[in-house]
Every structure is written in C-alpha cells, then in structure tokens.
Amino acid sequence: MARILAELSGRVARKEEELLLSLSLLARVDAIQARSLLADELSAAEPTVTDAGETNVRSARHPLLVLSDARWSRTTCAWPPVPLPDPHRPQRGGKTVALKTLGLLTLMAMAGLSIPASPDSTVSIFHNLFVAVGDEQSVEGTCPPTPPTSGG
C-alpha cells in the first residue's frame, strides 16, 4: 500500500506545474462566471471607469437591497435621489443609503464588477478610499419592501 501511494504521489509531483496552471485557469473561469451571475442577478451594467475624479451614476440601486427583494423597481432607491439630500442637514433621510450605495458601487467598479445602475454611468477611481465598517446606520428599512403602486 505504501509503495502504491509513493508511486502515485511521485506521478502527481511530476505534473505539479501543469496542475497548478490548470488550477489557476479554473479559478479565473470561476471568477468570471461569478461576476456574470452577480451581474445578471443585479441587472447590472458595466460603467465607464475613469480617473478624472468625477462620478456620475444614474438609476443606481444598492446591491444588497436589490438582492433582498427582486420586486423593487429600477427607480427605487435610485442615486442620485431627487432632490439630492444635503449631507450637512441632520435627519433628512436618504443620505445613508445614497452615500453607502455610491461607495459600494465605486468599490464594485474598481474591482471590475458590473454595477446595478444605468449603462451610461461613470465611476471614478479613487486612490484613497476610507470605509467605516459597522456604523450603526443600516440601509435595511430605508426603502419600501414593495414598489409603490399608482392609483387607478
């Protein structure tokens, strides 16, 4: 038994380079498939990525809110909200979800992911990005669980 295991181990060791190359290629294919599946689930588009310092996302949706309830319309929780909330005024509502959506979409675009926003959106690369994790303000409950219905 030991002799058989030693022989098999030797055969595998001789194919180490090919096996590592195959593993690397499989990991790439898996990552591409995962990005594609996420883009489909989010109805996401590939934004224009620039280093000009300007970000313009249209009809953006927070990815976690989209995944939590697929019944939301594309305009629910859109960025920018109309009117854009004043970040200096307390208790106005909408600032948390708008800023967290913008930050998350920026990180997604910088990571090469499609974002849940209009295809004509532009996202800028930022070289210094600061993130506050676990900040007591949740985006859950910010938007209604179902899209509003029109009367009639």
Protein backbone atom coordinates (compact mmCIF):
# COMPACT_ATOMS: atom_id res chain seq x y z
CA MET A 1 0.00 0.00 0.00
CA ALA A 2 2.81 2.44 0.92
CA ARG A 3 4.63 1.66 -2.35
CA ILE A 4 1.47 2.41 -4.40
CA LEU A 5 0.88 5.70 -2.59
CA ALA A 6 4.51 6.71 -3.05
CA GLU A 7 4.33 5.96 -6.79
CA LEU A 8 1.07 7.91 -7.20
CA SER A 9 2.50 10.82 -5.23
CA GLY A 10 5.56 10.84 -7.47
CA ARG A 11 3.39 10.94 -10.59
CA VAL A 12 1.38 13.86 -9.21
CA ALA A 13 4.58 15.68 -8.18
CA ARG A 14 5.92 15.38 -11.73
CA LYS A 15 2.75 17.08 -13.02
CA GLU A 16 2.85 19.87 -10.43
CA GLU A 17 3.37 22.68 -12.95
CA GLU A 18 0.51 21.54 -15.18
CA LEU A 19 -1.79 21.01 -12.20
CA LEU A 20 -1.05 24.49 -10.81
CA LEU A 21 -1.68 26.04 -14.24
CA SER A 22 -5.00 24.16 -14.51
CA LEU A 23 -5.97 25.33 -11.02
CA SER A 24 -5.16 28.94 -11.93
CA LEU A 25 -7.21 28.75 -15.13
CA LEU A 26 -10.16 27.17 -13.31
CA ALA A 27 -10.03 29.93 -10.69
CA ARG A 28 -10.16 32.59 -13.45
CA VAL A 29 -13.11 30.91 -15.16
CA ASP A 30 -14.89 30.58 -11.80
CA ALA A 31 -14.36 34.29 -11.05
CA ILE A 32 -15.68 35.29 -14.49
CA GLN A 33 -18.75 33.10 -14.04
CA ALA A 34 -19.38 34.50 -10.54
CA ARG A 35 -19.17 38.10 -11.84
CA SER A 36 -21.53 37.21 -14.68
CA LEU A 37 -24.08 35.56 -12.38
CA LEU A 38 -23.98 38.53 -9.98
CA ALA A 39 -24.43 40.97 -12.86
CA ASP A 40 -27.46 39.01 -14.08
CA GLU A 41 -29.00 38.87 -10.61
CA LEU A 42 -28.49 42.61 -10.07
CA SER A 43 -29.49 43.57 -13.65
CA ALA A 44 -26.14 45.33 -13.60
CA ALA A 45 -24.27 47.19 -16.31
CA GLU A 46 -20.61 47.89 -16.92
CA PRO A 47 -19.89 51.54 -16.11
CA THR A 48 -17.26 53.72 -17.72
CA VAL A 49 -14.33 53.79 -15.30
CA THR A 50 -12.19 56.92 -15.28
CA ASP A 51 -9.57 58.58 -13.14
CA ALA A 52 -10.95 62.07 -13.83
CA GLY A 53 -12.34 62.36 -10.29
CA GLU A 54 -15.97 62.63 -11.37
CA THR A 55 -18.60 60.01 -10.66
CA ASN A 56 -22.00 60.06 -12.29
CA VAL A 57 -24.18 57.05 -11.57
CA ARG A 58 -27.69 57.03 -12.97
CA SER A 59 -30.61 54.96 -11.69
CA ALA A 60 -28.29 53.26 -9.21
CA ARG A 61 -29.62 50.70 -6.75
CA HIS A 62 -27.94 49.43 -3.59
CA PRO A 63 -26.87 45.84 -4.43
CA LEU A 64 -27.93 44.39 -1.09
CA LEU A 65 -31.35 45.99 -1.32
CA VAL A 66 -31.80 44.64 -4.84
CA LEU A 67 -30.80 41.13 -3.73
CA SER A 68 -33.08 41.23 -0.70
CA ASP A 69 -36.22 41.89 -2.73
CA ALA A 70 -36.20 41.49 -6.51
CA ARG A 71 -39.67 43.09 -6.74
CA TRP A 72 -38.28 46.61 -6.31
CA SER A 73 -38.49 48.77 -9.38
CA ARG A 74 -35.37 50.07 -11.02
CA THR A 75 -36.03 53.59 -9.79
CA THR A 76 -36.48 52.67 -6.12
CA CYS A 77 -33.52 53.87 -4.04
CA ALA A 78 -32.00 55.47 -7.12
CA TRP A 79 -28.86 57.56 -6.97
CA PRO A 80 -28.92 60.45 -7.08
CA PRO A 81 -32.10 60.86 -5.06
CA VAL A 82 -34.29 63.70 -6.16
CA PRO A 83 -33.67 66.14 -4.66
CA LEU A 84 -30.14 65.22 -3.63
CA PRO A 85 -30.01 65.15 0.19
CA ASP A 86 -27.92 67.84 1.86
CA PRO A 87 -25.21 65.88 3.72
CA HIS A 88 -24.87 68.69 6.28
CA ARG A 89 -28.51 68.61 7.45
CA PRO A 90 -29.39 66.03 10.09
CA GLN A 91 -32.49 63.81 10.00
CA ARG A 92 -33.35 64.50 6.39
CA GLY A 93 -33.37 60.86 5.29
CA GLY A 94 -31.77 59.29 2.27
CA LYS A 95 -28.19 60.33 2.99
CA THR A 96 -27.12 57.00 4.44
CA VAL A 97 -28.43 54.82 1.64
CA ALA A 98 -27.26 57.29 -1.04
CA LEU A 99 -23.71 57.55 0.27
CA LYS A 100 -23.39 53.83 1.04
CA THR A 101 -24.73 52.98 -2.43
CA LEU A 102 -22.25 55.33 -4.07
CA GLY A 103 -19.35 53.94 -2.02
CA LEU A 104 -20.25 50.32 -2.68
CA LEU A 105 -20.77 50.90 -6.40
CA THR A 106 -17.40 52.66 -6.57
CA LEU A 107 -15.67 49.69 -4.92
CA MET A 108 -17.52 47.25 -7.19
CA ALA A 109 -16.47 49.15 -10.33
CA MET A 110 -12.86 49.39 -9.12
CA ALA A 111 -12.93 45.60 -8.60
CA GLY A 112 -14.08 45.07 -12.19
CA LEU A 113 -17.69 44.21 -11.33
CA SER A 114 -20.74 45.46 -13.15
CA ILE A 115 -22.91 47.76 -11.05
CA PRO A 116 -26.70 47.98 -10.63
CA ALA A 117 -27.01 51.28 -12.46
CA SER A 118 -27.66 52.64 -15.93
CA PRO A 119 -25.09 51.61 -18.58
CA ASP A 120 -24.24 55.29 -19.20
CA SER A 121 -22.91 55.68 -15.64
CA THR A 122 -19.35 56.81 -14.98
CA VAL A 123 -17.36 55.83 -11.88
CA SER A 124 -14.05 57.39 -10.95
CA ILE A 125 -11.10 55.50 -9.49
CA PHE A 126 -10.09 56.76 -6.07
CA HIS A 127 -6.61 56.10 -4.76
CA ASN A 128 -7.53 56.87 -1.14
CA LEU A 129 -10.85 55.39 -0.12
CA PHE A 130 -11.90 55.26 3.52
CA VAL A 131 -14.58 52.90 4.79
CA ALA A 132 -16.45 52.90 8.11
CA VAL A 133 -17.48 49.34 8.94
CA GLY A 134 -20.22 48.58 11.46
CA ASP A 135 -21.51 52.11 11.79
CA GLU A 136 -24.94 51.60 13.42
CA GLN A 137 -26.74 53.01 10.33
CA SER A 138 -28.27 50.26 8.23
CA VAL A 139 -29.70 50.58 4.74
CA GLU A 140 -32.32 47.96 5.64
CA GLY A 141 -35.72 49.51 6.03
CA THR A 142 -34.68 52.61 4.09
CA CYS A 143 -36.75 51.68 1.08
CA PRO A 144 -40.23 50.21 1.00
CA PRO A 145 -40.41 46.41 0.67
CA THR A 146 -42.56 46.66 -2.44
CA PRO A 147 -42.65 49.22 -5.23
CA PRO A 148 -45.25 51.96 -4.86
CA THR A 149 -48.42 51.44 -6.89
CA SER A 150 -50.14 54.16 -8.80
CA GLY A 151 -53.79 54.80 -8.20
CA GLY A 152 -56.31 53.72 -10.77
